[in-house]
Amino acid sequence: MPHTSGLRTVLFASLVPLALVACEKDKLKGPDAEVKKSDVKLSLPAVPGFELPAANSDGSHSVKELRVKGRKLLDSDITVKGIVTWAYDCPTAVRQPGQTDKDVQKMIDDDPTKCERAKFYVGDTADTPAEKSLWVVDVPRPYNKLELERIKKPDRTLSMYPDRCEPGEKAADKQICPPYAVGDQVEIVGSFKMASPHSERNSDGLLVYKRMKNITKNWETNVDPALLAPPGGAGGAGGATPPGGKASPQDLVDKSKGGKG
C-alpha cells in the first residue's frame, strides 16, 4: 500500500506542471482568425478580347483604330466615321456669372478672339468619353460681326476665305460650315496629324477638317474641293495682314480699337 500511495503522489506531481503549461498556452493563444479558407469555387468572367473591329469595307476608319494603330496613317488624308461626343460652344465657354445671352453676344462681337477655333470630338459610340474621342479641329465657321463689318462682301469668297461662310448661307455650293451637335452620326474627311496648322496638339492624333457628311442631319459638303485648300497667309495675332492675305480676328480687333482711339 505505501508503494501505491507513493506512485500516485509522483504521478500527480508530474501532471500538475503539464496542466499549468497547457493553461498558460490557452491564455497566450489569440482569437481564431475571422477569415478562413473556403471551398467555394469562383466563376470568373472570361478575359475580354482586345481585337480591333474589322476594317470598314469603304476604306474609312474608326476612332479606336486610329488611337491604337493610327501612327502609320499620320500626315495622310483619311475618312473617319463616328458619333459627335462633344462640341465647342463659345458663348457657353466664355459666359461669366450673371451675364445674359445679350451680354455674352456683345462681348464676343466686340472681341471675337475670346472664342477658340471651332472644334468637336467624335467617338465610335455616343458614350465614348472625351479622353478616348478623336479631336476634329479647324472646322469652318461663320464670319463674325467684325469680319462682316471690315471685309467687303465681294472679298468674302471661298477662294480667299475657305474656312468661313456667310451666316445663314442658303446656296448649297457655298455651304462649307457644317451643322453638328452631340449625338450626330458623321463622316469626316481630313488630314490625320499630331498637330494642327494652328498649334493644337494631341499625342493620340487629331483630324484637321476638310469636309464632312452629317448623316443625322442629311447634310454634306457640296463645294468644289479646289476652293477648300488649307487657309494660308492669315495674319498672326497682332501682326499686319500680308499683301493678299486674310485678316485674322485679332487684326480686325486691333483695327477696331485703333479706329475708336
C-alpha atoms as a PDB file:
ATOM      1  CA  MET A   1       0.000   0.000   0.000  1.00  0.00           C
ATOM      2  CA  PRO A   2       2.730   2.533   0.790  1.00  0.00           C
ATOM      3  CA  HIS A   3       4.175   1.768  -2.591  1.00  0.00           C
ATOM      4  CA  THR A   4       0.853   2.566  -4.358  1.00  0.00           C
ATOM      5  CA  SER A   5       0.405   5.799  -2.455  1.00  0.00           C
ATOM      6  CA  GLY A   6       3.888   6.904  -3.408  1.00  0.00           C
ATOM      7  CA  LEU A   7       3.243   6.170  -7.085  1.00  0.00           C
ATOM      8  CA  ARG A   8       0.074   8.287  -7.021  1.00  0.00           C
ATOM      9  CA  THR A   9       1.936  11.135  -5.440  1.00  0.00           C
ATOM     10  CA  VAL A  10       4.631  11.008  -8.128  1.00  0.00           C
ATOM     11  CA  LEU A  11       2.079  10.900 -10.969  1.00  0.00           C
ATOM     12  CA  PHE A  12       0.139  13.844  -9.537  1.00  0.00           C
ATOM     13  CA  ALA A  13       3.291  15.837  -9.067  1.00  0.00           C
ATOM     14  CA  SER A  14       4.325  15.233 -12.694  1.00  0.00           C
ATOM     15  CA  LEU A  15       0.901  16.071 -14.176  1.00  0.00           C
ATOM     16  CA  VAL A  16       0.458  19.382 -12.382  1.00  0.00           C
ATOM     17  CA  PRO A  17       3.219  21.189 -14.343  1.00  0.00           C
ATOM     18  CA  LEU A  18       1.822  19.871 -17.615  1.00  0.00           C
ATOM     19  CA  ALA A  19      -1.633  21.194 -16.768  1.00  0.00           C
ATOM     20  CA  LEU A  20      -0.179  24.546 -15.838  1.00  0.00           C
ATOM     21  CA  VAL A  21       1.754  24.743 -19.122  1.00  0.00           C
ATOM     22  CA  ALA A  22      -1.387  23.864 -21.122  1.00  0.00           C
ATOM     23  CA  CYS A  23      -3.321  26.545 -19.245  1.00  0.00           C
ATOM     24  CA  GLU A  24      -0.654  29.135 -19.984  1.00  0.00           C
ATOM     25  CA  LYS A  25      -0.761  28.187 -23.682  1.00  0.00           C
ATOM     26  CA  ASP A  26      -4.505  28.712 -23.733  1.00  0.00           C
ATOM     27  CA  LYS A  27      -4.031  32.161 -22.246  1.00  0.00           C
ATOM     28  CA  LEU A  28      -1.407  33.119 -24.851  1.00  0.00           C
ATOM     29  CA  LYS A  29      -3.417  31.801 -27.765  1.00  0.00           C
ATOM     30  CA  GLY A  30      -5.022  34.637 -29.747  1.00  0.00           C
ATOM     31  CA  PRO A  31      -8.561  34.664 -31.165  1.00  0.00           C
ATOM     32  CA  ASP A  32      -9.325  32.439 -34.112  1.00  0.00           C
ATOM     33  CA  ALA A  33      -8.867  34.054 -37.493  1.00  0.00           C
ATOM     34  CA  GLU A  34     -12.061  35.574 -38.897  1.00  0.00           C
ATOM     35  CA  VAL A  35     -11.034  34.770 -42.475  1.00  0.00           C
ATOM     36  CA  LYS A  36     -10.977  31.103 -43.139  1.00  0.00           C
ATOM     37  CA  LYS A  37     -10.222  29.126 -46.218  1.00  0.00           C
ATOM     38  CA  SER A  38     -13.274  28.454 -48.317  1.00  0.00           C
ATOM     39  CA  ASP A  39     -14.029  25.579 -50.579  1.00  0.00           C
ATOM     40  CA  VAL A  40     -16.316  27.733 -52.739  1.00  0.00           C
ATOM     41  CA  LYS A  41     -15.072  27.887 -56.330  1.00  0.00           C
ATOM     42  CA  LEU A  42     -15.400  31.285 -58.010  1.00  0.00           C
ATOM     43  CA  SER A  43     -16.615  31.528 -61.576  1.00  0.00           C
ATOM     44  CA  LEU A  44     -14.551  34.379 -63.095  1.00  0.00           C
ATOM     45  CA  PRO A  45     -15.624  36.071 -66.342  1.00  0.00           C
ATOM     46  CA  ALA A  46     -13.597  35.450 -69.445  1.00  0.00           C
ATOM     47  CA  VAL A  47     -10.814  37.921 -70.208  1.00  0.00           C
ATOM     48  CA  PRO A  48     -12.178  40.395 -72.776  1.00  0.00           C
ATOM     49  CA  GLY A  49     -10.611  40.417 -76.208  1.00  0.00           C
ATOM     50  CA  PHE A  50      -8.690  43.402 -77.469  1.00  0.00           C
ATOM     51  CA  GLU A  51      -9.010  42.706 -81.174  1.00  0.00           C
ATOM     52  CA  LEU A  52      -9.821  45.720 -83.319  1.00  0.00           C
ATOM     53  CA  PRO A  53     -13.057  45.665 -85.299  1.00  0.00           C
ATOM     54  CA  ALA A  54     -12.714  44.650 -88.904  1.00  0.00           C
ATOM     55  CA  ALA A  55     -11.730  47.491 -91.224  1.00  0.00           C
ATOM     56  CA  ASN A  56     -14.631  49.191 -92.952  1.00  0.00           C
ATOM     57  CA  SER A  57     -15.132  47.944 -96.484  1.00  0.00           C
ATOM     58  CA  ASP A  58     -15.329  51.525 -97.781  1.00  0.00           C
ATOM     59  CA  GLY A  59     -11.834  52.330 -96.515  1.00  0.00           C
ATOM     60  CA  SER A  60     -12.961  54.589 -93.668  1.00  0.00           C
ATOM     61  CA  HIS A  61     -11.525  54.302 -90.168  1.00  0.00           C
ATOM     62  CA  SER A  62     -12.893  54.023 -86.639  1.00  0.00           C
ATOM     63  CA  VAL A  63     -11.709  56.178 -83.753  1.00  0.00           C
ATOM     64  CA  LYS A  64     -10.442  53.136 -81.837  1.00  0.00           C
ATOM     65  CA  GLU A  65      -8.362  52.019 -84.811  1.00  0.00           C
ATOM     66  CA  LEU A  66      -6.716  55.436 -85.042  1.00  0.00           C
ATOM     67  CA  ARG A  67      -5.961  55.519 -81.317  1.00  0.00           C
ATOM     68  CA  VAL A  68      -4.426  52.030 -81.305  1.00  0.00           C
ATOM     69  CA  LYS A  69      -2.520  51.877 -84.575  1.00  0.00           C
ATOM     70  CA  GLY A  70      -3.026  55.184 -86.314  1.00  0.00           C
ATOM     71  CA  ARG A  71       0.597  56.285 -86.495  1.00  0.00           C
ATOM     72  CA  LYS A  72       1.026  54.671 -89.887  1.00  0.00           C
ATOM     73  CA  LEU A  73      -1.744  56.992 -91.138  1.00  0.00           C
ATOM     74  CA  LEU A  74      -0.186  60.211 -89.837  1.00  0.00           C
ATOM     75  CA  ASP A  75       0.064  63.048 -92.372  1.00  0.00           C
ATOM     76  CA  SER A  76      -2.400  61.390 -94.727  1.00  0.00           C
ATOM     77  CA  ASP A  77      -5.975  62.243 -95.696  1.00  0.00           C
ATOM     78  CA  ILE A  78      -8.482  59.790 -94.256  1.00  0.00           C
ATOM     79  CA  THR A  79     -12.219  59.365 -93.674  1.00  0.00           C
ATOM     80  CA  VAL A  80     -13.415  58.788 -90.116  1.00  0.00           C
ATOM     81  CA  LYS A  81     -16.875  57.585 -89.128  1.00  0.00           C
ATOM     82  CA  GLY A  82     -18.241  58.233 -85.652  1.00  0.00           C
ATOM     83  CA  ILE A  83     -20.653  59.967 -83.310  1.00  0.00           C
ATOM     84  CA  VAL A  84     -20.162  63.548 -82.095  1.00  0.00           C
ATOM     85  CA  THR A  85     -19.418  63.277 -78.359  1.00  0.00           C
ATOM     86  CA  TRP A  86     -18.614  66.936 -77.583  1.00  0.00           C
ATOM     87  CA  ALA A  87     -18.770  70.264 -79.421  1.00  0.00           C
ATOM     88  CA  TYR A  88     -17.145  73.571 -78.516  1.00  0.00           C
ATOM     89  CA  ASP A  89     -19.646  76.378 -77.939  1.00  0.00           C
ATOM     90  CA  CYS A  90     -18.090  79.798 -77.447  1.00  0.00           C
ATOM     91  CA  PRO A  91     -20.979  81.514 -75.589  1.00  0.00           C
ATOM     92  CA  THR A  92     -21.060  78.646 -73.084  1.00  0.00           C
ATOM     93  CA  ALA A  93     -17.275  78.691 -72.679  1.00  0.00           C
ATOM     94  CA  VAL A  94     -16.880  82.453 -72.100  1.00  0.00           C
ATOM     95  CA  ARG A  95     -20.061  83.212 -70.148  1.00  0.00           C
ATOM     96  CA  GLN A  96     -19.481  84.863 -66.780  1.00  0.00           C
ATOM     97  CA  PRO A  97     -21.823  84.535 -63.776  1.00  0.00           C
ATOM     98  CA  GLY A  98     -24.800  86.848 -64.094  1.00  0.00           C
ATOM     99  CA  GLN A  99     -24.357  87.554 -67.800  1.00  0.00           C
ATOM    100  CA  THR A 100     -27.374  87.431 -70.080  1.00  0.00           C
ATOM    101  CA  ASP A 101     -27.310  85.988 -73.597  1.00  0.00           C
ATOM    102  CA  LYS A 102     -27.237  89.571 -74.903  1.00  0.00           C
ATOM    103  CA  ASP A 103     -24.262  90.440 -72.694  1.00  0.00           C
ATOM    104  CA  VAL A 104     -22.334  87.385 -73.874  1.00  0.00           C
ATOM    105  CA  GLN A 105     -23.012  88.079 -77.553  1.00  0.00           C
ATOM    106  CA  LYS A 106     -21.905  91.704 -77.218  1.00  0.00           C
ATOM    107  CA  MET A 107     -18.678  90.585 -75.541  1.00  0.00           C
ATOM    108  CA  ILE A 108     -17.984  88.184 -78.413  1.00  0.00           C
ATOM    109  CA  ASP A 109     -18.934  90.753 -81.069  1.00  0.00           C
ATOM    110  CA  ASP A 110     -16.557  93.305 -79.532  1.00  0.00           C
ATOM    111  CA  ASP A 111     -13.683  90.839 -79.222  1.00  0.00           C
ATOM    112  CA  PRO A 112     -14.077  87.613 -81.261  1.00  0.00           C
ATOM    113  CA  THR A 113     -10.628  86.458 -80.156  1.00  0.00           C
ATOM    114  CA  LYS A 114     -12.235  85.398 -76.877  1.00  0.00           C
ATOM    115  CA  CYS A 115     -13.573  82.397 -78.810  1.00  0.00           C
ATOM    116  CA  GLU A 116     -11.431  79.391 -79.622  1.00  0.00           C
ATOM    117  CA  ARG A 117     -11.453  77.893 -83.101  1.00  0.00           C
ATOM    118  CA  ALA A 118     -14.450  75.728 -83.886  1.00  0.00           C
ATOM    119  CA  LYS A 119     -13.901  72.070 -82.991  1.00  0.00           C
ATOM    120  CA  PHE A 120     -15.688  68.931 -81.907  1.00  0.00           C
ATOM    121  CA  TYR A 121     -14.892  65.370 -80.801  1.00  0.00           C
ATOM    122  CA  VAL A 122     -16.084  62.092 -82.296  1.00  0.00           C
ATOM    123  CA  GLY A 123     -16.159  58.584 -80.828  1.00  0.00           C
ATOM    124  CA  ASP A 124     -17.190  55.153 -82.021  1.00  0.00           C
ATOM    125  CA  THR A 125     -20.241  55.298 -79.732  1.00  0.00           C
ATOM    126  CA  ALA A 126     -22.311  58.085 -78.227  1.00  0.00           C
ATOM    127  CA  ASP A 127     -20.941  57.372 -74.734  1.00  0.00           C
ATOM    128  CA  THR A 128     -17.261  57.456 -75.714  1.00  0.00           C
ATOM    129  CA  PRO A 129     -15.518  59.651 -73.097  1.00  0.00           C
ATOM    130  CA  ALA A 130     -13.731  62.802 -74.239  1.00  0.00           C
ATOM    131  CA  GLU A 131     -10.274  61.383 -73.465  1.00  0.00           C
ATOM    132  CA  LYS A 132     -10.934  58.491 -75.865  1.00  0.00           C
ATOM    133  CA  SER A 133     -12.554  60.574 -78.589  1.00  0.00           C
ATOM    134  CA  LEU A 134     -10.864  61.990 -81.687  1.00  0.00           C
ATOM    135  CA  TRP A 135     -10.400  65.749 -81.945  1.00  0.00           C
ATOM    136  CA  VAL A 136     -11.701  67.340 -85.146  1.00  0.00           C
ATOM    137  CA  VAL A 137     -10.166  70.818 -85.455  1.00  0.00           C
ATOM    138  CA  ASP A 138     -10.085  73.792 -87.829  1.00  0.00           C
ATOM    139  CA  VAL A 139     -13.795  73.367 -88.535  1.00  0.00           C
ATOM    140  CA  PRO A 140     -15.200  76.146 -90.788  1.00  0.00           C
ATOM    141  CA  ARG A 141     -17.263  78.806 -89.028  1.00  0.00           C
ATOM    142  CA  PRO A 142     -19.495  81.760 -89.977  1.00  0.00           C
ATOM    143  CA  TYR A 143     -17.940  85.211 -90.329  1.00  0.00           C
ATOM    144  CA  ASN A 144     -18.112  87.093 -87.033  1.00  0.00           C
ATOM    145  CA  LYS A 145     -19.569  90.585 -86.682  1.00  0.00           C
ATOM    146  CA  LEU A 146     -16.242  92.421 -87.024  1.00  0.00           C
ATOM    147  CA  GLU A 147     -15.365  90.466 -90.165  1.00  0.00           C
ATOM    148  CA  LEU A 148     -18.723  91.266 -91.720  1.00  0.00           C
ATOM    149  CA  GLU A 149     -18.126  94.945 -90.987  1.00  0.00           C
ATOM    150  CA  ARG A 150     -14.496  95.120 -92.089  1.00  0.00           C
ATOM    151  CA  ILE A 151     -14.321  92.732 -95.044  1.00  0.00           C
ATOM    152  CA  LYS A 152     -16.293  93.773 -98.096  1.00  0.00           C
ATOM    153  CA  LYS A 153     -18.807  91.266 -99.413  1.00  0.00           C
ATOM    154  CA  PRO A 154     -17.047  90.808-102.821  1.00  0.00           C
ATOM    155  CA  ASP A 155     -13.876  89.853-100.922  1.00  0.00           C
ATOM    156  CA  ARG A 156     -15.593  87.250 -98.772  1.00  0.00           C
ATOM    157  CA  THR A 157     -15.062  84.402-101.224  1.00  0.00           C
ATOM    158  CA  LEU A 158     -14.247  80.724-100.665  1.00  0.00           C
ATOM    159  CA  SER A 159     -11.014  81.069-102.604  1.00  0.00           C
ATOM    160  CA  MET A 160      -9.951  83.831-100.214  1.00  0.00           C
ATOM    161  CA  TYR A 161     -11.522  82.504 -97.014  1.00  0.00           C
ATOM    162  CA  PRO A 162     -12.079  78.733 -97.410  1.00  0.00           C
ATOM    163  CA  ASP A 163     -12.547  78.310 -93.658  1.00  0.00           C
ATOM    164  CA  ARG A 164     -15.516  80.678 -93.278  1.00  0.00           C
ATOM    165  CA  CYS A 165     -19.063  81.089 -94.526  1.00  0.00           C
ATOM    166  CA  GLU A 166     -21.734  83.742 -94.630  1.00  0.00           C
ATOM    167  CA  PRO A 167     -24.131  83.480 -91.675  1.00  0.00           C
ATOM    168  CA  GLY A 168     -27.310  81.775 -92.869  1.00  0.00           C
ATOM    169  CA  GLU A 169     -25.830  80.954 -96.282  1.00  0.00           C
ATOM    170  CA  LYS A 170     -28.539  79.389 -98.479  1.00  0.00           C
ATOM    171  CA  ALA A 171     -26.560  78.497-101.613  1.00  0.00           C
ATOM    172  CA  ALA A 172     -25.713  74.778-101.421  1.00  0.00           C
ATOM    173  CA  ASP A 173     -22.405  75.205-103.265  1.00  0.00           C
ATOM    174  CA  LYS A 174     -21.240  77.748-100.689  1.00  0.00           C
ATOM    175  CA  GLN A 175     -22.321  75.990 -97.511  1.00  0.00           C
ATOM    176  CA  ILE A 176     -18.996  74.913 -96.047  1.00  0.00           C
ATOM    177  CA  CYS A 177     -19.846  75.426 -92.363  1.00  0.00           C
ATOM    178  CA  PRO A 178     -21.122  72.012 -91.234  1.00  0.00           C
ATOM    179  CA  PRO A 179     -24.056  71.582 -88.877  1.00  0.00           C
ATOM    180  CA  TYR A 180     -23.236  69.299 -85.950  1.00  0.00           C
ATOM    181  CA  ALA A 181     -24.403  68.548 -82.435  1.00  0.00           C
ATOM    182  CA  VAL A 182     -23.650  65.970 -79.773  1.00  0.00           C
ATOM    183  CA  GLY A 183     -25.155  62.648 -80.829  1.00  0.00           C
ATOM    184  CA  ASP A 184     -24.961  63.251 -84.592  1.00  0.00           C
ATOM    185  CA  GLN A 185     -23.618  60.433 -86.774  1.00  0.00           C
ATOM    186  CA  VAL A 186     -20.942  61.865 -89.060  1.00  0.00           C
ATOM    187  CA  GLU A 187     -18.292  61.014 -91.639  1.00  0.00           C
ATOM    188  CA  ILE A 188     -15.364  63.436 -91.746  1.00  0.00           C
ATOM    189  CA  VAL A 189     -12.586  63.718 -94.304  1.00  0.00           C
ATOM    190  CA  GLY A 190      -9.442  65.333 -93.014  1.00  0.00           C
ATOM    191  CA  SER A 191      -5.720  65.123 -92.502  1.00  0.00           C
ATOM    192  CA  PHE A 192      -4.626  62.931 -89.570  1.00  0.00           C
ATOM    193  CA  LYS A 193      -1.856  64.736 -87.696  1.00  0.00           C
ATOM    194  CA  MET A 194      -0.263  65.180 -84.292  1.00  0.00           C
ATOM    195  CA  ALA A 195      -0.655  68.979 -84.501  1.00  0.00           C
ATOM    196  CA  SER A 196      -2.921  71.335 -86.422  1.00  0.00           C
ATOM    197  CA  PRO A 197      -1.744  74.327 -88.502  1.00  0.00           C
ATOM    198  CA  HIS A 198      -2.905  76.477 -85.572  1.00  0.00           C
ATOM    199  CA  SER A 199      -0.826  74.600 -82.984  1.00  0.00           C
ATOM    200  CA  GLU A 200      -3.486  72.410 -81.384  1.00  0.00           C
ATOM    201  CA  ARG A 201      -1.736  69.206 -80.340  1.00  0.00           C
ATOM    202  CA  ASN A 202      -2.784  65.729 -79.277  1.00  0.00           C
ATOM    203  CA  SER A 203      -0.385  62.829 -78.706  1.00  0.00           C
ATOM    204  CA  ASP A 204      -3.081  60.405 -79.900  1.00  0.00           C
ATOM    205  CA  GLY A 205      -3.524  62.356 -83.130  1.00  0.00           C
ATOM    206  CA  LEU A 206      -6.203  64.755 -84.348  1.00  0.00           C
ATOM    207  CA  LEU A 207      -8.102  65.308 -87.575  1.00  0.00           C
ATOM    208  CA  VAL A 208      -7.675  68.597 -89.440  1.00  0.00           C
ATOM    209  CA  TYR A 209     -11.088  69.093 -91.024  1.00  0.00           C
ATOM    210  CA  LYS A 210     -11.608  69.220 -94.801  1.00  0.00           C
ATOM    211  CA  ARG A 211     -15.183  68.134 -95.497  1.00  0.00           C
ATOM    212  CA  MET A 212     -17.998  66.261 -93.809  1.00  0.00           C
ATOM    213  CA  LYS A 213     -21.239  64.325 -94.165  1.00  0.00           C
ATOM    214  CA  ASN A 214     -23.732  64.605 -91.324  1.00  0.00           C
ATOM    215  CA  ILE A 215     -25.903  61.521 -91.707  1.00  0.00           C
ATOM    216  CA  THR A 216     -28.224  62.522 -88.862  1.00  0.00           C
ATOM    217  CA  LYS A 217     -28.970  65.935 -90.375  1.00  0.00           C
ATOM    218  CA  ASN A 218     -28.837  64.749 -94.003  1.00  0.00           C
ATOM    219  CA  TRP A 219     -26.158  67.320 -94.863  1.00  0.00           C
ATOM    220  CA  GLU A 220     -22.974  67.014 -96.902  1.00  0.00           C
ATOM    221  CA  THR A 221     -20.270  69.418 -98.050  1.00  0.00           C
ATOM    222  CA  ASN A 222     -21.113  70.322-101.640  1.00  0.00           C
ATOM    223  CA  VAL A 223     -18.307  72.647-102.613  1.00  0.00           C
ATOM    224  CA  ASP A 224     -15.528  72.366-105.180  1.00  0.00           C
ATOM    225  CA  PRO A 225     -12.597  70.859-103.194  1.00  0.00           C
ATOM    226  CA  ALA A 226     -10.223  73.165-105.067  1.00  0.00           C
ATOM    227  CA  LEU A 227     -11.791  76.084-103.210  1.00  0.00           C
ATOM    228  CA  LEU A 228     -11.259  74.453 -99.847  1.00  0.00           C
ATOM    229  CA  ALA A 229      -7.465  74.381 -99.754  1.00  0.00           C
ATOM    230  CA  PRO A 230      -5.980  74.813 -96.274  1.00  0.00           C
ATOM    231  CA  PRO A 231      -6.024  78.530 -95.412  1.00  0.00           C
ATOM    232  CA  GLY A 232      -2.665  80.256 -95.604  1.00  0.00           C
ATOM    233  CA  GLY A 233      -1.258  83.710 -95.269  1.00  0.00           C
ATOM    234  CA  ALA A 234      -3.553  84.718 -92.425  1.00  0.00           C
ATOM    235  CA  GLY A 235      -2.212  87.474 -90.259  1.00  0.00           C
ATOM    236  CA  GLY A 236      -0.946  86.368 -86.867  1.00  0.00           C
ATOM    237  CA  ALA A 237      -2.189  87.692 -83.597  1.00  0.00           C
ATOM    238  CA  GLY A 238      -1.409  91.370 -83.537  1.00  0.00           C
ATOM    239  CA  GLY A 239       0.531  91.239 -86.815  1.00  0.00           C
ATOM    240  CA  ALA A 240      -0.152  93.091 -90.018  1.00  0.00           C
ATOM    241  CA  THR A 241      -2.032  91.264 -92.729  1.00  0.00           C
ATOM    242  CA  PRO A 242       0.393  90.429 -95.576  1.00  0.00           C
ATOM    243  CA  PRO A 243      -0.438  91.626 -99.092  1.00  0.00           C
ATOM    244  CA  GLY A 244      -3.197  89.439-100.470  1.00  0.00           C
ATOM    245  CA  GLY A 245      -3.515  87.731 -97.101  1.00  0.00           C
ATOM    246  CA  LYS A 246      -6.598  87.316 -94.936  1.00  0.00           C
ATOM    247  CA  ALA A 247      -7.440  89.431 -91.960  1.00  0.00           C
ATOM    248  CA  SER A 248      -7.446  87.393 -88.783  1.00  0.00           C
ATOM    249  CA  PRO A 249      -9.927  88.073 -85.955  1.00  0.00           C
ATOM    250  CA  GLN A 250      -7.093  89.692 -83.991  1.00  0.00           C
ATOM    251  CA  ASP A 251      -6.248  92.003 -86.927  1.00  0.00           C
ATOM    252  CA  LEU A 252      -9.854  93.150 -87.034  1.00  0.00           C
ATOM    253  CA  VAL A 253      -9.978  93.685 -83.271  1.00  0.00           C
ATOM    254  CA  ASP A 254      -6.806  95.781 -83.455  1.00  0.00           C
ATOM    255  CA  LYS A 255      -8.215  97.841 -86.317  1.00  0.00           C
ATOM    256  CA  SER A 256     -11.463  98.323 -84.432  1.00  0.00           C
ATOM    257  CA  LYS A 257      -9.667  99.502 -81.302  1.00  0.00           C
ATOM    258  CA  GLY A 258      -7.449 101.780 -83.386  1.00  0.00           C
ATOM    259  CA  GLY A 259     -10.454 103.361 -85.035  1.00  0.00           C
ATOM    260  CA  LYS A 260     -12.002 104.120 -81.646  1.00  0.00           C
ATOM    261  CA  GLY A 261      -8.812 105.796 -80.418  1.00  0.00           C
END
